[in-house]
């Protein structure tokens, strides 16, 4: 993944995380956990997934 692709992926993940976490009444715990996982994955240079949040 190029640095530009990683920045694009991180930006999208951050925007999604902010949206989900800012929607206190419309987001479920699953939505928040998924947004966090996507954010974690976007910060990893090789794009591997992290262990799920319990």
Protein backbone atom coordinates (compact mmCIF):
# COMPACT_ATOMS: atom_id res chain seq x y z
CA UNK A 1 0.00 0.00 0.00
CA UNK A 2 1.42 3.37 -0.96
CA UNK A 3 1.58 6.18 1.60
CA UNK A 4 -1.13 8.05 -0.32
CA UNK A 5 -3.43 5.00 -0.23
CA UNK A 6 -2.83 4.58 3.49
CA UNK A 7 -3.60 8.25 4.16
CA UNK A 8 -6.82 7.94 2.15
CA UNK A 9 -7.81 4.81 4.07
CA UNK A 10 -6.98 6.42 7.43
CA UNK A 11 -8.95 9.56 6.55
CA UNK A 12 -12.02 7.53 5.61
CA UNK A 13 -11.75 5.42 8.77
CA UNK A 14 -11.39 8.49 10.99
CA UNK A 15 -14.40 10.17 9.37
CA UNK A 16 -16.49 7.01 9.84
CA UNK A 17 -15.38 6.64 13.47
CA UNK A 18 -16.27 10.25 14.25
CA UNK A 19 -19.65 9.85 12.55
CA UNK A 20 -20.51 6.64 14.40
CA UNK A 21 -19.28 7.82 17.79
CA UNK A 22 -20.99 11.19 17.38
CA UNK A 23 -24.36 9.56 16.71
CA UNK A 24 -25.10 8.60 20.31
CA UNK A 25 -28.65 7.45 19.72
CA UNK A 26 -28.40 5.85 16.28
CA UNK A 27 -25.21 3.81 16.67
CA UNK A 28 -25.01 0.41 18.27
CA UNK A 29 -22.04 -1.01 20.15
CA UNK A 30 -21.37 -3.14 17.07
CA UNK A 31 -21.18 -0.01 14.89
CA UNK A 32 -18.68 1.56 17.27
CA UNK A 33 -16.59 -1.63 17.50
CA UNK A 34 -16.52 -1.93 13.71
CA UNK A 35 -15.46 1.71 13.31
CA UNK A 36 -12.67 1.20 15.85
CA UNK A 37 -11.46 -1.94 14.07
CA UNK A 38 -11.44 -0.15 10.71
CA UNK A 39 -9.49 2.70 12.27
CA UNK A 40 -6.95 0.30 13.78
CA UNK A 41 -6.58 -1.53 10.47
CA UNK A 42 -6.08 1.74 8.61
CA UNK A 43 -3.18 2.67 10.89
CA UNK A 44 -1.28 -0.54 10.22
CA UNK A 45 1.18 -0.25 7.35
CA UNK A 46 0.58 -3.78 6.06
CA UNK A 47 -3.23 -3.63 6.37
CA UNK A 48 -3.58 -6.74 8.55
CA UNK A 49 -6.55 -6.99 10.86
CA UNK A 50 -6.27 -6.72 14.63
CA UNK A 51 -8.01 -8.92 17.17
CA UNK A 52 -11.68 -7.99 17.65
CA UNK A 53 -12.63 -5.76 20.58
CA UNK A 54 -14.72 -7.60 23.14
